[in-house]
Amino acid sequence: MELILLADPSEDKVRSYLPWSKCFVASNTGVVVGVCVVKPLALGTHELMSIAVQPAYQGFGYGTALLKWVIDFFRKTGESQLEVGTGTFGYQLAFYQKHGFRVSRQCSQ
C-alpha cells in the first residue's frame, strides 16, 4: 500500500478500486521496486489507476519497463483500450505520452 500511495495519496480511494483491479510489480533481486494498478472499466477497456517506483529506484527504467509490460499484457489478452486518468500535466503526462498514450479530453473539476 505504501508504494501505491506514492502515486495516489488517497488511501480510501485506493482501497475502493483495489479489490477489482489487477496489480503488477517490478522487482530487483526480490525487492519490490515498482507497482502498477489497473482497473477494469467496461468490456475491453481498463484504466491504469496508478504506477509508482520507489524513490531510490527512480530514473533506472523500472517505471518504463513496468508500463511496457502492462501494455503488452493487455494487448496480448485482447483488450482494446487502456486509459490513464491523471490530474497533472507535468512529467507524468510526458511519461505516458512517451509510451503512446494521447490526451483525448480534459476534464475540469
C-alpha atoms as a PDB file:
ATOM      1  CA  MET A   1       0.000   0.000   0.000  1.00  0.00           C
ATOM      2  CA  GLU A   2       2.838   2.386   0.855  1.00  0.00           C
ATOM      3  CA  LEU A   3       4.195   2.210  -2.686  1.00  0.00           C
ATOM      4  CA  ILE A   4       0.780   2.688  -4.316  1.00  0.00           C
ATOM      5  CA  LEU A   5       0.235   5.758  -2.152  1.00  0.00           C
ATOM      6  CA  LEU A   6       3.219   7.433  -3.836  1.00  0.00           C
ATOM      7  CA  ALA A   7       1.083   7.663  -6.976  1.00  0.00           C
ATOM      8  CA  ASP A   8      -2.357   8.041  -5.392  1.00  0.00           C
ATOM      9  CA  PRO A   9      -2.226   9.653  -1.941  1.00  0.00           C
ATOM     10  CA  SER A  10      -5.835   8.834  -1.022  1.00  0.00           C
ATOM     11  CA  GLU A  11      -5.807   5.502   0.800  1.00  0.00           C
ATOM     12  CA  ASP A  12      -9.620   5.446   0.845  1.00  0.00           C
ATOM     13  CA  LYS A  13      -9.726   5.874  -2.935  1.00  0.00           C
ATOM     14  CA  VAL A  14      -7.086   3.168  -3.463  1.00  0.00           C
ATOM     15  CA  ARG A  15      -8.994   0.759  -1.222  1.00  0.00           C
ATOM     16  CA  SER A  16     -12.169   1.450  -3.231  1.00  0.00           C
ATOM     17  CA  TYR A  17     -10.697   0.284  -6.555  1.00  0.00           C
ATOM     18  CA  LEU A  18      -8.077  -2.237  -5.430  1.00  0.00           C
ATOM     19  CA  PRO A  19     -10.384  -5.277  -4.955  1.00  0.00           C
ATOM     20  CA  TRP A  20     -11.428  -5.226  -8.643  1.00  0.00           C
ATOM     21  CA  SER A  21      -8.021  -4.341 -10.049  1.00  0.00           C
ATOM     22  CA  LYS A  22      -5.002  -6.211 -11.340  1.00  0.00           C
ATOM     23  CA  CYS A  23      -1.740  -5.379  -9.619  1.00  0.00           C
ATOM     24  CA  PHE A  24       1.642  -5.728 -11.299  1.00  0.00           C
ATOM     25  CA  VAL A  25       5.049  -5.318  -9.683  1.00  0.00           C
ATOM     26  CA  ALA A  26       8.616  -4.725 -10.795  1.00  0.00           C
ATOM     27  CA  SER A  27      11.322  -6.223  -8.642  1.00  0.00           C
ATOM     28  CA  ASN A  28      15.080  -6.143  -8.333  1.00  0.00           C
ATOM     29  CA  THR A  29      16.658  -9.207  -6.692  1.00  0.00           C
ATOM     30  CA  GLY A  30      13.439  -9.970  -4.845  1.00  0.00           C
ATOM     31  CA  VAL A  31      12.763  -6.405  -3.684  1.00  0.00           C
ATOM     32  CA  VAL A  32       9.562  -4.799  -4.982  1.00  0.00           C
ATOM     33  CA  VAL A  33      10.658  -1.527  -6.558  1.00  0.00           C
ATOM     34  CA  GLY A  34       7.570  -0.608  -8.575  1.00  0.00           C
ATOM     35  CA  VAL A  35       3.849  -1.216  -8.732  1.00  0.00           C
ATOM     36  CA  CYS A  36       1.108  -0.653 -11.282  1.00  0.00           C
ATOM     37  CA  VAL A  37      -2.632  -0.995 -10.632  1.00  0.00           C
ATOM     38  CA  VAL A  38      -5.126  -1.392 -13.487  1.00  0.00           C
ATOM     39  CA  LYS A  39      -8.903  -1.422 -13.020  1.00  0.00           C
ATOM     40  CA  PRO A  40     -11.481  -2.780 -15.480  1.00  0.00           C
ATOM     41  CA  LEU A  41     -13.920  -0.132 -16.743  1.00  0.00           C
ATOM     42  CA  ALA A  42     -16.028  -1.894 -19.352  1.00  0.00           C
ATOM     43  CA  LEU A  43     -15.715  -4.810 -21.726  1.00  0.00           C
ATOM     44  CA  GLY A  44     -12.293  -4.489 -23.348  1.00  0.00           C
ATOM     45  CA  THR A  45     -11.408  -1.269 -21.519  1.00  0.00           C
ATOM     46  CA  HIS A  46      -9.185  -0.798 -18.478  1.00  0.00           C
ATOM     47  CA  GLU A  47      -7.853   2.219 -16.617  1.00  0.00           C
ATOM     48  CA  LEU A  48      -4.331   2.485 -15.312  1.00  0.00           C
ATOM     49  CA  MET A  49      -5.062   3.808 -11.841  1.00  0.00           C
ATOM     50  CA  SER A  50      -1.518   4.203 -10.541  1.00  0.00           C
ATOM     51  CA  ILE A  51       2.068   3.435 -11.287  1.00  0.00           C
ATOM     52  CA  ALA A  52       4.865   4.163  -8.843  1.00  0.00           C
ATOM     53  CA  VAL A  53       8.525   3.351  -8.332  1.00  0.00           C
ATOM     54  CA  GLN A  54      10.362   3.530  -5.015  1.00  0.00           C
ATOM     55  CA  PRO A  55      12.253   6.865  -4.959  1.00  0.00           C
ATOM     56  CA  ALA A  56      15.641   5.128  -4.607  1.00  0.00           C
ATOM     57  CA  TYR A  57      14.967   3.214  -7.847  1.00  0.00           C
ATOM     58  CA  GLN A  58      13.561   6.062  -9.942  1.00  0.00           C
ATOM     59  CA  GLY A  59      15.460   7.028 -13.064  1.00  0.00           C
ATOM     60  CA  PHE A  60      16.706   3.497 -13.777  1.00  0.00           C
ATOM     61  CA  GLY A  61      13.948   2.441 -16.179  1.00  0.00           C
ATOM     62  CA  TYR A  62      11.794   0.405 -13.804  1.00  0.00           C
ATOM     63  CA  GLY A  63       8.682   2.506 -14.438  1.00  0.00           C
ATOM     64  CA  THR A  64       9.177   2.295 -18.198  1.00  0.00           C
ATOM     65  CA  ALA A  65       9.751  -1.477 -18.084  1.00  0.00           C
ATOM     66  CA  LEU A  66       6.694  -1.968 -15.877  1.00  0.00           C
ATOM     67  CA  LEU A  67       4.441   0.174 -18.065  1.00  0.00           C
ATOM     68  CA  LYS A  68       5.620  -1.592 -21.243  1.00  0.00           C
ATOM     69  CA  TRP A  69       4.991  -4.972 -19.634  1.00  0.00           C
ATOM     70  CA  VAL A  70       1.466  -3.947 -18.576  1.00  0.00           C
ATOM     71  CA  ILE A  71       0.658  -2.580 -22.044  1.00  0.00           C
ATOM     72  CA  ASP A  72       1.905  -5.812 -23.645  1.00  0.00           C
ATOM     73  CA  PHE A  73      -0.058  -7.909 -21.135  1.00  0.00           C
ATOM     74  CA  PHE A  74      -3.345  -6.220 -22.006  1.00  0.00           C
ATOM     75  CA  ARG A  75      -2.567  -6.218 -25.727  1.00  0.00           C
ATOM     76  CA  LYS A  76      -1.895  -9.992 -25.641  1.00  0.00           C
ATOM     77  CA  THR A  77      -5.111 -10.668 -23.720  1.00  0.00           C
ATOM     78  CA  GLY A  78      -7.089  -8.937 -26.468  1.00  0.00           C
ATOM     79  CA  GLU A  79      -8.162  -5.866 -24.556  1.00  0.00           C
ATOM     80  CA  SER A  80      -8.951  -2.962 -26.849  1.00  0.00           C
ATOM     81  CA  GLN A  81      -8.277   0.081 -24.701  1.00  0.00           C
ATOM     82  CA  LEU A  82      -6.057   1.105 -21.814  1.00  0.00           C
ATOM     83  CA  GLU A  83      -6.782   4.556 -20.395  1.00  0.00           C
ATOM     84  CA  VAL A  84      -4.953   6.769 -17.939  1.00  0.00           C
ATOM     85  CA  GLY A  85      -6.617   9.465 -15.888  1.00  0.00           C
ATOM     86  CA  THR A  86      -4.194  11.968 -14.447  1.00  0.00           C
ATOM     87  CA  GLY A  87      -4.768  15.256 -12.705  1.00  0.00           C
ATOM     88  CA  THR A  88      -1.397  16.605 -13.684  1.00  0.00           C
ATOM     89  CA  PHE A  89       0.160  17.847 -16.883  1.00  0.00           C
ATOM     90  CA  GLY A  90       3.797  17.670 -15.792  1.00  0.00           C
ATOM     91  CA  TYR A  91       6.316  14.886 -16.090  1.00  0.00           C
ATOM     92  CA  GLN A  92       3.608  12.240 -15.556  1.00  0.00           C
ATOM     93  CA  LEU A  93       1.789  13.277 -18.723  1.00  0.00           C
ATOM     94  CA  ALA A  94       5.058  13.321 -20.672  1.00  0.00           C
ATOM     95  CA  PHE A  95       5.853   9.827 -19.354  1.00  0.00           C
ATOM     96  CA  TYR A  96       2.544   8.438 -20.620  1.00  0.00           C
ATOM     97  CA  GLN A  97       2.786  10.258 -23.951  1.00  0.00           C
ATOM     98  CA  LYS A  98       6.287   8.858 -24.473  1.00  0.00           C
ATOM     99  CA  HIS A  99       4.708   5.405 -24.321  1.00  0.00           C
ATOM    100  CA  GLY A 100       1.927   6.054 -26.817  1.00  0.00           C
ATOM    101  CA  PHE A 101      -0.858   7.496 -24.693  1.00  0.00           C
ATOM    102  CA  ARG A 102      -2.602  10.586 -26.063  1.00  0.00           C
ATOM    103  CA  VAL A 103      -4.793  13.218 -24.454  1.00  0.00           C
ATOM    104  CA  SER A 104      -8.346  12.559 -25.523  1.00  0.00           C
ATOM    105  CA  ARG A 105     -10.121  15.070 -23.308  1.00  0.00           C
ATOM    106  CA  GLN A 106      -9.539  17.433 -20.465  1.00  0.00           C
ATOM    107  CA  CYS A 107     -11.905  17.443 -17.533  1.00  0.00           C
ATOM    108  CA  SER A 108     -12.473  20.359 -15.216  1.00  0.00           C
ATOM    109  CA  GLN A 109     -13.240  19.878 -11.564  1.00  0.00           C
END
